Amino acid sequence: MSRLLGIPSLVVVLAVGGYLMTKQMQSGGPASPPVRQAVTQAQGNVAATNFAGAADAMQAFYTQNATYLGATLPPGSGVILVRADATSYCLQTPAGDEHEDGPGGTAQPGAC
């Protein structure tokens, strides 16, 4: 008789354990809202740093040539130079989710 109750009890314990584990993963796992917010904030900080470095490179080019036309960014800058003319330029993240119009611009959502 005890053997008959053992298997259903085991199934119930496993089901309850699975349910509790699922709830824990939703509130504290890698897909939880705080983790997603931290990842988004970190990506924004990286983009801001990359834009700042690229803007410095663009200013150095402008100082030497009095134009942004023909400017290039150093490899590994983390951003793409989408457009450059005599007086302005547009930098964009490789994913195209943020851009910066320069000179003196700030990061904005979306592509150039």
C-alpha atoms as a PDB file:
ATOM      1  CA  MET A   1       0.000   0.000   0.000  1.00  0.00           C
ATOM      2  CA  SER A   2       2.789   2.433   0.829  1.00  0.00           C
ATOM      3  CA  ARG A   3       4.361   1.712  -2.526  1.00  0.00           C
ATOM      4  CA  LEU A   4       1.164   2.783  -4.256  1.00  0.00           C
ATOM      5  CA  LEU A   5       1.222   6.140  -2.473  1.00  0.00           C
ATOM      6  CA  GLY A   6       4.940   6.678  -3.071  1.00  0.00           C
ATOM      7  CA  ILE A   7       4.756   7.179  -6.857  1.00  0.00           C
ATOM      8  CA  PRO A   8       1.860   9.687  -6.823  1.00  0.00           C
ATOM      9  CA  SER A   9       3.549  11.545  -3.968  1.00  0.00           C
ATOM     10  CA  LEU A  10       6.759  11.720  -5.965  1.00  0.00           C
ATOM     11  CA  VAL A  11       4.874  13.083  -8.992  1.00  0.00           C
ATOM     12  CA  VAL A  12       3.197  15.752  -6.851  1.00  0.00           C
ATOM     13  CA  VAL A  13       6.504  16.786  -5.254  1.00  0.00           C
ATOM     14  CA  LEU A  14       8.169  17.048  -8.685  1.00  0.00           C
ATOM     15  CA  ALA A  15       5.278  19.098 -10.073  1.00  0.00           C
ATOM     16  CA  VAL A  16       5.323  21.506  -7.126  1.00  0.00           C
ATOM     17  CA  GLY A  17       9.127  21.769  -7.334  1.00  0.00           C
ATOM     18  CA  GLY A  18       8.953  22.499 -11.066  1.00  0.00           C
ATOM     19  CA  TYR A  19       6.315  25.165 -10.514  1.00  0.00           C
ATOM     20  CA  LEU A  20       8.340  26.850  -7.760  1.00  0.00           C
ATOM     21  CA  MET A  21      11.504  26.754  -9.866  1.00  0.00           C
ATOM     22  CA  THR A  22       9.658  28.364 -12.789  1.00  0.00           C
ATOM     23  CA  LYS A  23       8.352  31.152 -10.557  1.00  0.00           C
ATOM     24  CA  GLN A  24      11.836  31.763  -9.145  1.00  0.00           C
ATOM     25  CA  MET A  25      13.350  31.990 -12.625  1.00  0.00           C
ATOM     26  CA  GLN A  26      10.720  34.556 -13.648  1.00  0.00           C
ATOM     27  CA  SER A  27      11.454  36.817 -10.695  1.00  0.00           C
ATOM     28  CA  GLY A  28      15.216  36.430 -10.420  1.00  0.00           C
ATOM     29  CA  GLY A  29      16.490  34.620 -13.472  1.00  0.00           C
ATOM     30  CA  PRO A  30      18.232  35.934 -16.583  1.00  0.00           C
ATOM     31  CA  ALA A  31      14.936  37.045 -18.151  1.00  0.00           C
ATOM     32  CA  SER A  32      13.661  38.900 -15.080  1.00  0.00           C
ATOM     33  CA  PRO A  33      12.796  42.621 -15.385  1.00  0.00           C
ATOM     34  CA  PRO A  34      15.705  43.832 -13.189  1.00  0.00           C
ATOM     35  CA  VAL A  35      18.214  41.850 -15.250  1.00  0.00           C
ATOM     36  CA  ARG A  36      16.763  43.097 -18.551  1.00  0.00           C
ATOM     37  CA  GLN A  37      16.874  46.675 -17.236  1.00  0.00           C
ATOM     38  CA  ALA A  38      20.516  46.278 -16.186  1.00  0.00           C
ATOM     39  CA  VAL A  39      21.438  44.867 -19.609  1.00  0.00           C
ATOM     40  CA  THR A  40      19.666  47.733 -21.393  1.00  0.00           C
ATOM     41  CA  GLN A  41      21.396  50.310 -19.197  1.00  0.00           C
ATOM     42  CA  ALA A  42      24.792  48.684 -19.780  1.00  0.00           C
ATOM     43  CA  GLN A  43      24.242  48.692 -23.547  1.00  0.00           C
ATOM     44  CA  GLY A  44      23.336  52.385 -23.402  1.00  0.00           C
ATOM     45  CA  ASN A  45      26.500  53.158 -21.427  1.00  0.00           C
ATOM     46  CA  VAL A  46      28.647  51.270 -23.933  1.00  0.00           C
ATOM     47  CA  ALA A  47      27.023  53.144 -26.829  1.00  0.00           C
ATOM     48  CA  ALA A  48      27.610  56.496 -25.104  1.00  0.00           C
ATOM     49  CA  THR A  49      31.277  55.644 -24.570  1.00  0.00           C
ATOM     50  CA  ASN A  50      31.660  54.515 -28.188  1.00  0.00           C
ATOM     51  CA  PHE A  51      29.963  57.681 -29.477  1.00  0.00           C
ATOM     52  CA  ALA A  52      32.261  59.852 -27.340  1.00  0.00           C
ATOM     53  CA  GLY A  53      35.397  58.163 -28.682  1.00  0.00           C
ATOM     54  CA  ALA A  54      34.183  58.382 -32.278  1.00  0.00           C
ATOM     55  CA  ALA A  55      33.230  62.056 -31.834  1.00  0.00           C
ATOM     56  CA  ASP A  56      36.775  62.767 -30.623  1.00  0.00           C
ATOM     57  CA  ALA A  57      38.166  61.051 -33.722  1.00  0.00           C
ATOM     58  CA  MET A  58      35.818  63.075 -35.939  1.00  0.00           C
ATOM     59  CA  GLN A  59      36.895  66.336 -34.261  1.00  0.00           C
ATOM     60  CA  ALA A  60      40.550  65.444 -34.748  1.00  0.00           C
ATOM     61  CA  PHE A  61      39.870  64.841 -38.457  1.00  0.00           C
ATOM     62  CA  TYR A  62      37.987  68.159 -38.710  1.00  0.00           C
ATOM     63  CA  THR A  63      40.826  70.025 -36.990  1.00  0.00           C
ATOM     64  CA  GLN A  64      43.298  68.739 -39.570  1.00  0.00           C
ATOM     65  CA  ASN A  65      41.085  69.062 -42.669  1.00  0.00           C
ATOM     66  CA  ALA A  66      38.448  71.749 -41.876  1.00  0.00           C
ATOM     67  CA  THR A  67      35.778  69.284 -43.068  1.00  0.00           C
ATOM     68  CA  TYR A  68      34.260  65.971 -42.037  1.00  0.00           C
ATOM     69  CA  LEU A  69      34.079  64.870 -45.675  1.00  0.00           C
ATOM     70  CA  GLY A  70      36.308  61.845 -46.203  1.00  0.00           C
ATOM     71  CA  ALA A  71      36.597  61.048 -42.506  1.00  0.00           C
ATOM     72  CA  THR A  72      36.895  57.445 -41.342  1.00  0.00           C
ATOM     73  CA  LEU A  73      36.712  55.906 -37.912  1.00  0.00           C
ATOM     74  CA  PRO A  74      39.435  53.717 -36.471  1.00  0.00           C
ATOM     75  CA  PRO A  75      38.719  49.972 -36.482  1.00  0.00           C
ATOM     76  CA  GLY A  76      37.026  48.764 -33.336  1.00  0.00           C
ATOM     77  CA  SER A  77      35.385  52.085 -32.538  1.00  0.00           C
ATOM     78  CA  GLY A  78      32.068  50.339 -31.905  1.00  0.00           C
ATOM     79  CA  VAL A  79      30.072  52.706 -34.121  1.00  0.00           C
ATOM     80  CA  ILE A  80      29.605  53.246 -37.838  1.00  0.00           C
ATOM     81  CA  LEU A  81      30.075  56.519 -39.679  1.00  0.00           C
ATOM     82  CA  VAL A  82      26.911  56.648 -41.792  1.00  0.00           C
ATOM     83  CA  ARG A  83      27.187  60.157 -43.214  1.00  0.00           C
ATOM     84  CA  ALA A  84      29.827  62.890 -43.269  1.00  0.00           C
ATOM     85  CA  ASP A  85      29.734  66.188 -45.166  1.00  0.00           C
ATOM     86  CA  ALA A  86      31.602  69.465 -44.829  1.00  0.00           C
ATOM     87  CA  THR A  87      29.988  70.530 -41.536  1.00  0.00           C
ATOM     88  CA  SER A  88      28.259  67.528 -39.956  1.00  0.00           C
ATOM     89  CA  TYR A  89      28.222  63.777 -39.569  1.00  0.00           C
ATOM     90  CA  CYS A  90      26.020  60.964 -38.262  1.00  0.00           C
ATOM     91  CA  LEU A  91      27.285  58.034 -36.203  1.00  0.00           C
ATOM     92  CA  GLN A  92      25.229  54.903 -35.591  1.00  0.00           C
ATOM     93  CA  THR A  93      25.508  51.738 -33.520  1.00  0.00           C
ATOM     94  CA  PRO A  94      26.049  48.582 -35.593  1.00  0.00           C
ATOM     95  CA  ALA A  95      22.546  47.373 -34.671  1.00  0.00           C
ATOM     96  CA  GLY A  96      21.065  50.687 -35.815  1.00  0.00           C
ATOM     97  CA  ASP A  97      19.165  51.203 -32.580  1.00  0.00           C
ATOM     98  CA  GLU A  98      20.897  54.492 -31.665  1.00  0.00           C
ATOM     99  CA  HIS A  99      22.549  57.325 -33.551  1.00  0.00           C
ATOM    100  CA  GLU A 100      24.271  60.632 -32.887  1.00  0.00           C
ATOM    101  CA  ASP A 101      24.240  63.669 -35.159  1.00  0.00           C
ATOM    102  CA  GLY A 102      27.426  65.639 -34.794  1.00  0.00           C
ATOM    103  CA  PRO A 103      29.173  67.682 -33.943  1.00  0.00           C
ATOM    104  CA  GLY A 104      27.957  68.166 -30.408  1.00  0.00           C
ATOM    105  CA  GLY A 105      24.987  65.835 -30.602  1.00  0.00           C
ATOM    106  CA  THR A 106      23.700  63.333 -28.093  1.00  0.00           C
ATOM    107  CA  ALA A 107      22.655  59.726 -28.582  1.00  0.00           C
ATOM    108  CA  GLN A 108      19.125  59.402 -29.959  1.00  0.00           C
ATOM    109  CA  PRO A 109      17.034  56.292 -30.585  1.00  0.00           C
ATOM    110  CA  GLY A 110      16.845  54.877 -34.095  1.00  0.00           C
ATOM    111  CA  ALA A 111      19.072  54.913 -37.140  1.00  0.00           C
ATOM    112  CA  CYS A 112      20.576  57.959 -38.895  1.00  0.00           C
END
